[in-house]
């Protein structure tokens, strides 16, 4: 049935009648379609996968949140603390926080499959992936965001080059009032040394600071460092190869020219 607000609700079949003064059952002759019995069985619950909290450099804990949009801080968990991993949601991981198993959210870069080294929860981890949350950001009034004025590309790590790894590293950082960067953290990493190279490069970036009412302020932002543009330079090899090719190609021409002149000289003699 529908309530006054138009929302569908359910009542027992014996609690609703076709007539107000006496009970008349809604049967097959009532004109109300029969959709069959309701399946009230719950789907099998996915067993939780063990995970371990990972902290940033010089940090002894990692933050957790009430929502996947990093809203409503719920404190922090100690480094290497064991948690139950429920699902992946974009750049966030839904976890079960001890001791009462309350669901919370943490950055995907803060939860590892192993306690002694970071192993991301990927498609092979057995953790189901849910749709990424649509987190609407409220723009601040009278605030101009920072703008990068010097942004050198990071070097391509040798480990990633050997394995031909490509990807995009997402970093969060704070732009100070003088345009320098600090508190750089990996939000979404790639591994194979690329995360460290990205942090190293972004630490040298320079910005025009954020402005509020015309005055410079500190501002926390996120940046994407695109790894697809990193290539090993091959200029020297290419130029050397061209020089060798041109020298090898030119030598027979000089030999033919010299031999031709000798033959003509011998014929004239």
C-alpha atoms as a PDB file:
ATOM      1  CA  UNK A   1       0.000   0.000   0.000  1.00  0.00           C
ATOM      2  CA  UNK A   2       0.963   3.728  -0.122  1.00  0.00           C
ATOM      3  CA  UNK A   3       0.803   6.145   2.765  1.00  0.00           C
ATOM      4  CA  UNK A   4      -0.357   9.768   2.557  1.00  0.00           C
ATOM      5  CA  UNK A   5       3.138  10.768   1.478  1.00  0.00           C
ATOM      6  CA  UNK A   6       3.037   8.300  -1.382  1.00  0.00           C
ATOM      7  CA  UNK A   7       5.743   6.066   0.089  1.00  0.00           C
ATOM      8  CA  UNK A   8       5.217   2.284  -0.314  1.00  0.00           C
ATOM      9  CA  UNK A   9       4.798   0.386   2.946  1.00  0.00           C
ATOM     10  CA  UNK A  10       3.766  -3.130   3.889  1.00  0.00           C
ATOM     11  CA  UNK A  11       1.107  -4.459   6.306  1.00  0.00           C
ATOM     12  CA  UNK A  12      -0.168  -7.912   7.079  1.00  0.00           C
ATOM     13  CA  UNK A  13      -2.851  -9.157   4.680  1.00  0.00           C
ATOM     14  CA  UNK A  14      -5.295  -9.572   7.585  1.00  0.00           C
ATOM     15  CA  UNK A  15      -4.821  -5.942   8.656  1.00  0.00           C
ATOM     16  CA  UNK A  16      -6.306  -4.302   5.578  1.00  0.00           C
ATOM     17  CA  UNK A  17      -9.833  -4.579   4.218  1.00  0.00           C
ATOM     18  CA  UNK A  18     -11.653  -3.679   1.019  1.00  0.00           C
ATOM     19  CA  UNK A  19     -14.510  -2.150   3.033  1.00  0.00           C
ATOM     20  CA  UNK A  20     -14.391   0.126   6.108  1.00  0.00           C
ATOM     21  CA  UNK A  21     -17.270  -1.410   8.092  1.00  0.00           C
ATOM     22  CA  UNK A  22     -16.451  -5.063   7.710  1.00  0.00           C
ATOM     23  CA  UNK A  23     -13.448  -7.136   6.753  1.00  0.00           C
ATOM     24  CA  UNK A  24     -13.305  -8.112   3.094  1.00  0.00           C
ATOM     25  CA  UNK A  25     -10.116  -9.804   2.005  1.00  0.00           C
ATOM     26  CA  UNK A  26      -8.109  -8.614  -0.990  1.00  0.00           C
ATOM     27  CA  UNK A  27      -8.305 -11.833  -3.006  1.00  0.00           C
ATOM     28  CA  UNK A  28      -7.871 -12.680  -6.667  1.00  0.00           C
ATOM     29  CA  UNK A  29     -11.208 -10.985  -7.500  1.00  0.00           C
ATOM     30  CA  UNK A  30     -10.190  -7.654  -5.919  1.00  0.00           C
ATOM     31  CA  UNK A  31      -8.291  -6.459  -9.000  1.00  0.00           C
ATOM     32  CA  UNK A  32      -5.085  -6.033  -7.000  1.00  0.00           C
ATOM     33  CA  UNK A  33      -2.194  -7.889  -8.696  1.00  0.00           C
ATOM     34  CA  UNK A  34      -0.503 -10.629  -6.734  1.00  0.00           C
ATOM     35  CA  UNK A  35       3.274 -10.256  -6.908  1.00  0.00           C
ATOM     36  CA  UNK A  36       3.931 -13.482  -5.077  1.00  0.00           C
ATOM     37  CA  UNK A  37       5.521 -14.100  -1.691  1.00  0.00           C
ATOM     38  CA  UNK A  38       8.225 -11.768  -0.425  1.00  0.00           C
ATOM     39  CA  UNK A  39      11.713 -13.207  -0.202  1.00  0.00           C
ATOM     40  CA  UNK A  40      12.925 -12.021   3.198  1.00  0.00           C
ATOM     41  CA  UNK A  41      16.069 -14.096   3.228  1.00  0.00           C
ATOM     42  CA  UNK A  42      19.279 -12.098   3.610  1.00  0.00           C
ATOM     43  CA  UNK A  43      22.139 -12.512   1.129  1.00  0.00           C
ATOM     44  CA  UNK A  44      25.148 -14.383   2.480  1.00  0.00           C
ATOM     45  CA  UNK A  45      27.386 -11.997   4.359  1.00  0.00           C
ATOM     46  CA  UNK A  46      30.848 -11.590   2.960  1.00  0.00           C
ATOM     47  CA  UNK A  47      33.517 -12.651   5.454  1.00  0.00           C
ATOM     48  CA  UNK A  48      35.781  -9.798   6.483  1.00  0.00           C
ATOM     49  CA  UNK A  49      39.333  -9.781   5.196  1.00  0.00           C
ATOM     50  CA  UNK A  50      42.148  -8.924   7.573  1.00  0.00           C
ATOM     51  CA  UNK A  51      43.800  -5.570   7.003  1.00  0.00           C
ATOM     52  CA  UNK A  52      46.389  -3.493   8.810  1.00  0.00           C
ATOM     53  CA  UNK A  53      46.605   0.256   9.259  1.00  0.00           C
ATOM     54  CA  UNK A  54      49.521   2.019   7.591  1.00  0.00           C
ATOM     55  CA  UNK A  55      50.796   5.403   8.752  1.00  0.00           C
ATOM     56  CA  UNK A  56      52.519   8.194   6.889  1.00  0.00           C
ATOM     57  CA  UNK A  57      56.085   9.154   7.684  1.00  0.00           C
ATOM     58  CA  UNK A  58      56.603  10.380  11.244  1.00  0.00           C
ATOM     59  CA  UNK A  59      52.989   9.545  12.129  1.00  0.00           C
ATOM     60  CA  UNK A  60      51.958   7.052  14.814  1.00  0.00           C
ATOM     61  CA  UNK A  61      48.314   6.699  13.716  1.00  0.00           C
ATOM     62  CA  UNK A  62      46.059   6.929  10.664  1.00  0.00           C
ATOM     63  CA  UNK A  63      42.723   8.798  10.572  1.00  0.00           C
ATOM     64  CA  UNK A  64      39.358   7.076  10.068  1.00  0.00           C
ATOM     65  CA  UNK A  65      36.051   8.661   9.056  1.00  0.00           C
ATOM     66  CA  UNK A  66      32.325   8.154   9.495  1.00  0.00           C
ATOM     67  CA  UNK A  67      31.591   8.502   5.752  1.00  0.00           C
ATOM     68  CA  UNK A  68      33.438   7.684   2.517  1.00  0.00           C
ATOM     69  CA  UNK A  69      33.565  11.404   1.747  1.00  0.00           C
ATOM     70  CA  UNK A  70      36.001  11.896   4.649  1.00  0.00           C
ATOM     71  CA  UNK A  71      33.263  13.643   6.604  1.00  0.00           C
ATOM     72  CA  UNK A  72      32.928  13.337  10.354  1.00  0.00           C
ATOM     73  CA  UNK A  73      36.307  12.350  11.730  1.00  0.00           C
ATOM     74  CA  UNK A  74      36.090   9.290  13.961  1.00  0.00           C
ATOM     75  CA  UNK A  75      39.533   9.510  15.496  1.00  0.00           C
ATOM     76  CA  UNK A  76      42.484   7.444  14.379  1.00  0.00           C
ATOM     77  CA  UNK A  77      43.903   3.941  14.617  1.00  0.00           C
ATOM     78  CA  UNK A  78      47.416   2.960  15.562  1.00  0.00           C
ATOM     79  CA  UNK A  79      49.962   1.872  12.967  1.00  0.00           C
ATOM     80  CA  UNK A  80      49.720  -1.846  12.117  1.00  0.00           C
ATOM     81  CA  UNK A  81      46.444  -2.161  14.038  1.00  0.00           C
ATOM     82  CA  UNK A  82      44.388  -5.044  12.683  1.00  0.00           C
ATOM     83  CA  UNK A  83      40.993  -4.238  11.178  1.00  0.00           C
ATOM     84  CA  UNK A  84      38.355  -6.080   9.174  1.00  0.00           C
ATOM     85  CA  UNK A  85      38.085  -4.917   5.566  1.00  0.00           C
ATOM     86  CA  UNK A  86      34.524  -4.833   4.226  1.00  0.00           C
ATOM     87  CA  UNK A  87      34.629  -3.190   0.784  1.00  0.00           C
ATOM     88  CA  UNK A  88      36.471  -0.804  -1.526  1.00  0.00           C
ATOM     89  CA  UNK A  89      34.835   2.484  -2.498  1.00  0.00           C
ATOM     90  CA  UNK A  90      36.936   4.540  -4.875  1.00  0.00           C
ATOM     91  CA  UNK A  91      39.901   5.932  -2.929  1.00  0.00           C
ATOM     92  CA  UNK A  92      38.393   4.755   0.369  1.00  0.00           C
ATOM     93  CA  UNK A  93      38.250   1.424   2.192  1.00  0.00           C
ATOM     94  CA  UNK A  94      35.319   0.455   4.412  1.00  0.00           C
ATOM     95  CA  UNK A  95      36.651  -1.221   7.522  1.00  0.00           C
ATOM     96  CA  UNK A  96      35.291  -2.740  10.709  1.00  0.00           C
ATOM     97  CA  UNK A  97      36.868  -0.994  13.686  1.00  0.00           C
ATOM     98  CA  UNK A  98      37.601  -3.002  16.824  1.00  0.00           C
ATOM     99  CA  UNK A  99      36.422  -3.762  19.417  1.00  0.00           C
ATOM    100  CA  UNK A 100      32.724  -3.400  18.537  1.00  0.00           C
ATOM    101  CA  UNK A 101      33.067  -3.807  14.773  1.00  0.00           C
ATOM    102  CA  UNK A 102      31.569  -0.433  13.861  1.00  0.00           C
ATOM    103  CA  UNK A 103      31.894   0.362  10.136  1.00  0.00           C
ATOM    104  CA  UNK A 104      34.270   3.210   9.358  1.00  0.00           C
ATOM    105  CA  UNK A 105      36.200   4.483   6.338  1.00  0.00           C
ATOM    106  CA  UNK A 106      39.901   5.028   5.763  1.00  0.00           C
ATOM    107  CA  UNK A 107      42.017   6.074   2.808  1.00  0.00           C
ATOM    108  CA  UNK A 108      42.977   3.167   0.571  1.00  0.00           C
ATOM    109  CA  UNK A 109      46.616   4.148   1.066  1.00  0.00           C
ATOM    110  CA  UNK A 110      46.181   3.667   4.845  1.00  0.00           C
ATOM    111  CA  UNK A 111      45.068   0.010   4.801  1.00  0.00           C
ATOM    112  CA  UNK A 112      47.396  -2.813   3.787  1.00  0.00           C
ATOM    113  CA  UNK A 113      47.017  -6.543   3.278  1.00  0.00           C
ATOM    114  CA  UNK A 114      50.236  -7.127   5.230  1.00  0.00           C
ATOM    115  CA  UNK A 115      51.442  -5.541   8.484  1.00  0.00           C
ATOM    116  CA  UNK A 116      55.154  -5.325   7.640  1.00  0.00           C
ATOM    117  CA  UNK A 117      54.879  -3.776   4.167  1.00  0.00           C
ATOM    118  CA  UNK A 118      52.200  -1.979   2.178  1.00  0.00           C
ATOM    119  CA  UNK A 119      50.172  -4.215  -0.139  1.00  0.00           C
ATOM    120  CA  UNK A 120      47.129  -2.477  -1.599  1.00  0.00           C
ATOM    121  CA  UNK A 121      43.680  -4.065  -1.657  1.00  0.00           C
ATOM    122  CA  UNK A 122      43.255  -4.517  -5.414  1.00  0.00           C
ATOM    123  CA  UNK A 123      41.003  -6.674  -7.596  1.00  0.00           C
ATOM    124  CA  UNK A 124      42.881  -9.825  -6.521  1.00  0.00           C
ATOM    125  CA  UNK A 125      42.446  -9.163  -2.797  1.00  0.00           C
ATOM    126  CA  UNK A 126      38.989 -10.742  -2.591  1.00  0.00           C
ATOM    127  CA  UNK A 127      37.447  -7.547  -1.211  1.00  0.00           C
ATOM    128  CA  UNK A 128      34.308  -6.494  -3.145  1.00  0.00           C
ATOM    129  CA  UNK A 129      34.380  -3.149  -4.910  1.00  0.00           C
ATOM    130  CA  UNK A 130      31.407  -0.821  -4.512  1.00  0.00           C
ATOM    131  CA  UNK A 131      30.655   2.297  -6.518  1.00  0.00           C
ATOM    132  CA  UNK A 132      32.736   5.337  -5.654  1.00  0.00           C
ATOM    133  CA  UNK A 133      30.896   7.844  -3.458  1.00  0.00           C
ATOM    134  CA  UNK A 134      29.637  11.063  -5.042  1.00  0.00           C
ATOM    135  CA  UNK A 135      31.143  13.571  -2.651  1.00  0.00           C
ATOM    136  CA  UNK A 136      29.946  17.080  -3.320  1.00  0.00           C
ATOM    137  CA  UNK A 137      32.339  19.793  -2.244  1.00  0.00           C
ATOM    138  CA  UNK A 138      30.967  23.081  -1.010  1.00  0.00           C
ATOM    139  CA  UNK A 139      32.934  25.948  -2.524  1.00  0.00           C
ATOM    140  CA  UNK A 140      34.325  28.445  -0.063  1.00  0.00           C
ATOM    141  CA  UNK A 141      33.184  32.002  -0.498  1.00  0.00           C
ATOM    142  CA  UNK A 142      35.707  34.647  -1.571  1.00  0.00           C
ATOM    143  CA  UNK A 143      38.510  32.073  -1.865  1.00  0.00           C
ATOM    144  CA  UNK A 144      40.849  31.788  -4.849  1.00  0.00           C
ATOM    145  CA  UNK A 145      42.523  28.386  -5.122  1.00  0.00           C
ATOM    146  CA  UNK A 146      46.320  27.994  -5.450  1.00  0.00           C
ATOM    147  CA  UNK A 147      47.851  27.885  -8.926  1.00  0.00           C
ATOM    148  CA  UNK A 148      51.054  26.022  -9.778  1.00  0.00           C
ATOM    149  CA  UNK A 149      53.796  28.224 -11.225  1.00  0.00           C
ATOM    150  CA  UNK A 150      56.629  25.679 -11.153  1.00  0.00           C
ATOM    151  CA  UNK A 151      55.792  21.966 -11.469  1.00  0.00           C
ATOM    152  CA  UNK A 152      58.688  19.809 -12.699  1.00  0.00           C
ATOM    153  CA  UNK A 153      57.882  16.237 -13.647  1.00  0.00           C
ATOM    154  CA  UNK A 154      59.229  13.536 -11.330  1.00  0.00           C
ATOM    155  CA  UNK A 155      61.826  11.108 -12.543  1.00  0.00           C
ATOM    156  CA  UNK A 156      60.672   7.704 -13.743  1.00  0.00           C
ATOM    157  CA  UNK A 157      61.854   5.088 -11.260  1.00  0.00           C
ATOM    158  CA  UNK A 158      64.116   2.332 -12.528  1.00  0.00           C
ATOM    159  CA  UNK A 159      61.923  -0.360 -10.962  1.00  0.00           C
ATOM    160  CA  UNK A 160      58.826   0.922 -12.782  1.00  0.00           C
ATOM    161  CA  UNK A 161      60.762   1.295 -16.024  1.00  0.00           C
ATOM    162  CA  UNK A 162      61.894  -2.328 -15.957  1.00  0.00           C
ATOM    163  CA  UNK A 163      58.325  -3.547 -15.399  1.00  0.00           C
ATOM    164  CA  UNK A 164      56.792  -0.903 -17.721  1.00  0.00           C
ATOM    165  CA  UNK A 165      54.480   0.341 -14.966  1.00  0.00           C
ATOM    166  CA  UNK A 166      52.322   3.384 -15.678  1.00  0.00           C
ATOM    167  CA  UNK A 167      49.671   5.135 -13.628  1.00  0.00           C
ATOM    168  CA  UNK A 168      48.585   8.257 -11.827  1.00  0.00           C
ATOM    169  CA  UNK A 169      49.630   9.120  -8.278  1.00  0.00           C
ATOM    170  CA  UNK A 170      47.156  11.236  -6.272  1.00  0.00           C
ATOM    171  CA  UNK A 171      48.678  13.381  -3.526  1.00  0.00           C
ATOM    172  CA  UNK A 172      47.231  15.630  -0.870  1.00  0.00           C
ATOM    173  CA  UNK A 173      49.311  18.586   0.290  1.00  0.00           C
ATOM    174  CA  UNK A 174      49.165  21.975   1.919  1.00  0.00           C
ATOM    175  CA  UNK A 175      50.186  25.086   0.001  1.00  0.00           C
ATOM    176  CA  UNK A 176      51.685  27.597   2.442  1.00  0.00           C
ATOM    177  CA  UNK A 177      51.248  31.361   2.206  1.00  0.00           C
ATOM    178  CA  UNK A 178      54.683  31.651   0.529  1.00  0.00           C
ATOM    179  CA  UNK A 179      53.712  29.151  -2.198  1.00  0.00           C
ATOM    180  CA  UNK A 180      55.786  26.233  -0.891  1.00  0.00           C
ATOM    181  CA  UNK A 181      54.349  22.776  -0.222  1.00  0.00           C
ATOM    182  CA  UNK A 182      54.261  20.685   2.952  1.00  0.00           C
ATOM    183  CA  UNK A 183      52.402  17.757   4.535  1.00  0.00           C
ATOM    184  CA  UNK A 184      52.513  15.807   1.261  1.00  0.00           C
ATOM    185  CA  UNK A 185      50.689  12.485   1.563  1.00  0.00           C
ATOM    186  CA  UNK A 186      49.905   9.727  -0.911  1.00  0.00           C
ATOM    187  CA  UNK A 187      46.147   9.360  -1.344  1.00  0.00           C
ATOM    188  CA  UNK A 188      46.287   6.884  -4.221  1.00  0.00           C
ATOM    189  CA  UNK A 189      49.578   5.255  -5.073  1.00  0.00           C
ATOM    190  CA  UNK A 190      50.992   3.156  -7.890  1.00  0.00           C
ATOM    191  CA  UNK A 191      54.001   1.586  -6.189  1.00  0.00           C
ATOM    192  CA  UNK A 192      57.286   0.501  -7.793  1.00  0.00           C
ATOM    193  CA  UNK A 193      59.006   3.645  -6.532  1.00  0.00           C
ATOM    194  CA  UNK A 194      56.695   6.019  -8.411  1.00  0.00           C
ATOM    195  CA  UNK A 195      54.961   7.288  -5.256  1.00  0.00           C
ATOM    196  CA  UNK A 196      58.256   8.350  -3.701  1.00  0.00           C
ATOM    197  CA  UNK A 197      59.343  10.049  -6.919  1.00  0.00           C
ATOM    198  CA  UNK A 198      56.051  11.940  -7.054  1.00  0.00           C
ATOM    199  CA  UNK A 199      56.375  13.156  -3.454  1.00  0.00           C
ATOM    200  CA  UNK A 200      59.987  14.207  -4.093  1.00  0.00           C
ATOM    201  CA  UNK A 201      58.994  16.221  -7.179  1.00  0.00           C
ATOM    202  CA  UNK A 202      55.922  17.869  -5.651  1.00  0.00           C
ATOM    203  CA  UNK A 203      58.004  18.986  -2.673  1.00  0.00           C
ATOM    204  CA  UNK A 204      59.812  21.256  -5.166  1.00  0.00           C
ATOM    205  CA  UNK A 205      56.635  22.645  -6.722  1.00  0.00           C
ATOM    206  CA  UNK A 206      55.785  26.282  -6.235  1.00  0.00           C
ATOM    207  CA  UNK A 207      52.348  27.915  -6.232  1.00  0.00           C
ATOM    208  CA  UNK A 208      50.693  31.256  -6.057  1.00  0.00           C
ATOM    209  CA  UNK A 209      48.995  30.879  -2.661  1.00  0.00           C
ATOM    210  CA  UNK A 210      45.281  30.678  -2.089  1.00  0.00           C
ATOM    211  CA  UNK A 211      43.599  33.987  -1.374  1.00  0.00           C
ATOM    212  CA  UNK A 212      40.660  34.743   0.896  1.00  0.00           C
ATOM    213  CA  UNK A 213      39.297  38.251   0.659  1.00  0.00           C
ATOM    214  CA  UNK A 214      42.530  39.153  -1.128  1.00  0.00           C
ATOM    215  CA  UNK A 215      44.830  37.842   1.639  1.00  0.00           C
ATOM    216  CA  UNK A 216      47.090  34.761   1.216  1.00  0.00           C
ATOM    217  CA  UNK A 217      46.068  31.741   3.277  1.00  0.00           C
ATOM    218  CA  UNK A 218      47.214  28.161   3.669  1.00  0.00           C
ATOM    219  CA  UNK A 219      45.126  25.721   1.635  1.00  0.00           C
ATOM    220  CA  UNK A 220      44.962  21.941   1.483  1.00  0.00           C
ATOM    221  CA  UNK A 221      44.596  20.628  -2.057  1.00  0.00           C
ATOM    222  CA  UNK A 222      45.047  17.396  -3.993  1.00  0.00           C
ATOM    223  CA  UNK A 223      47.070  16.955  -7.177  1.00  0.00           C
ATOM    224  CA  UNK A 224      47.419  14.199  -9.748  1.00  0.00           C
ATOM    225  CA  UNK A 225      50.884  13.306 -10.991  1.00  0.00           C
ATOM    226  CA  UNK A 226      50.549  11.625 -14.364  1.00  0.00           C
ATOM    227  CA  UNK A 227      53.070   8.845 -14.881  1.00  0.00           C
ATOM    228  CA  UNK A 228      52.249   8.238 -18.530  1.00  0.00           C
ATOM    229  CA  UNK A 229      54.463  11.114 -19.627  1.00  0.00           C
ATOM    230  CA  UNK A 230      57.654   9.646 -18.162  1.00  0.00           C
ATOM    231  CA  UNK A 231      60.017   8.185 -20.765  1.00  0.00           C
ATOM    232  CA  UNK A 232      63.669   7.220 -20.752  1.00  0.00           C
ATOM    233  CA  UNK A 233      65.545   9.774 -22.919  1.00  0.00           C
ATOM    234  CA  UNK A 234      66.968   8.188 -26.063  1.00  0.00           C
ATOM    235  CA  UNK A 235      68.358  11.267 -27.800  1.00  0.00           C
ATOM    236  CA  UNK A 236      72.002  10.270 -27.536  1.00  0.00           C
ATOM    237  CA  UNK A 237      71.388   6.772 -28.840  1.00  0.00           C
ATOM    238  CA  UNK A 238      69.316   8.049 -31.733  1.00  0.00           C
ATOM    239  CA  UNK A 239      71.845  10.697 -32.748  1.00  0.00           C
ATOM    240  CA  UNK A 240      74.734   8.247 -32.408  1.00  0.00           C
ATOM    241  CA  UNK A 241      72.892   5.730 -34.509  1.00  0.00           C
ATOM    242  CA  UNK A 242      72.231   8.357 -37.161  1.00  0.00           C
ATOM    243  CA  UNK A 243      75.908   9.377 -37.227  1.00  0.00           C
ATOM    244  CA  UNK A 244      76.995   5.766 -37.567  1.00  0.00           C
ATOM    245  CA  UNK A 245      74.440   5.189 -40.294  1.00  0.00           C
ATOM    246  CA  UNK A 246      75.482   8.313 -42.209  1.00  0.00           C
ATOM    247  CA  UNK A 247      79.169   7.422 -41.943  1.00  0.00           C
ATOM    248  CA  UNK A 248      78.589   3.865 -43.129  1.00  0.00           C
ATOM    249  CA  UNK A 249      76.369   5.106 -45.900  1.00  0.00           C
ATOM    250  CA  UNK A 250      78.834   7.755 -47.058  1.00  0.00           C
ATOM    251  CA  UNK A 251      81.975   5.563 -47.148  1.00  0.00           C
ATOM    252  CA  UNK A 252      80.997   3.420 -50.184  1.00  0.00           C
ATOM    253  CA  UNK A 253      80.139   6.573 -52.134  1.00  0.00           C
ATOM    254  CA  UNK A 254      83.654   7.970 -51.635  1.00  0.00           C
ATOM    255  CA  UNK A 255      85.157   4.597 -52.555  1.00  0.00           C
ATOM    256  CA  UNK A 256      83.138   4.414 -55.746  1.00  0.00           C
ATOM    257  CA  UNK A 257      84.079   7.975 -56.629  1.00  0.00           C
ATOM    258  CA  UNK A 258      87.789   7.281 -56.050  1.00  0.00           C
ATOM    259  CA  UNK A 259      87.693   4.028 -58.004  1.00  0.00           C
ATOM    260  CA  UNK A 260      85.928   5.767 -60.896  1.00  0.00           C
ATOM    261  CA  UNK A 261      88.585   8.484 -61.083  1.00  0.00           C
ATOM    262  CA  UNK A 262      91.368   5.852 -61.094  1.00  0.00           C
ATOM    263  CA  UNK A 263      89.729   3.930 -63.899  1.00  0.00           C
ATOM    264  CA  UNK A 264      89.337   7.087 -65.995  1.00  0.00           C
ATOM    265  CA  UNK A 265      92.952   8.067 -65.348  1.00  0.00           C
ATOM    266  CA  UNK A 266      94.155   4.625 -66.436  1.00  0.00           C
ATOM    267  CA  UNK A 267      92.108   4.825 -69.628  1.00  0.00           C
ATOM    268  CA  UNK A 268      93.571   8.216 -70.507  1.00  0.00           C
ATOM    269  CA  UNK A 269      97.113   7.000 -69.824  1.00  0.00           C
END
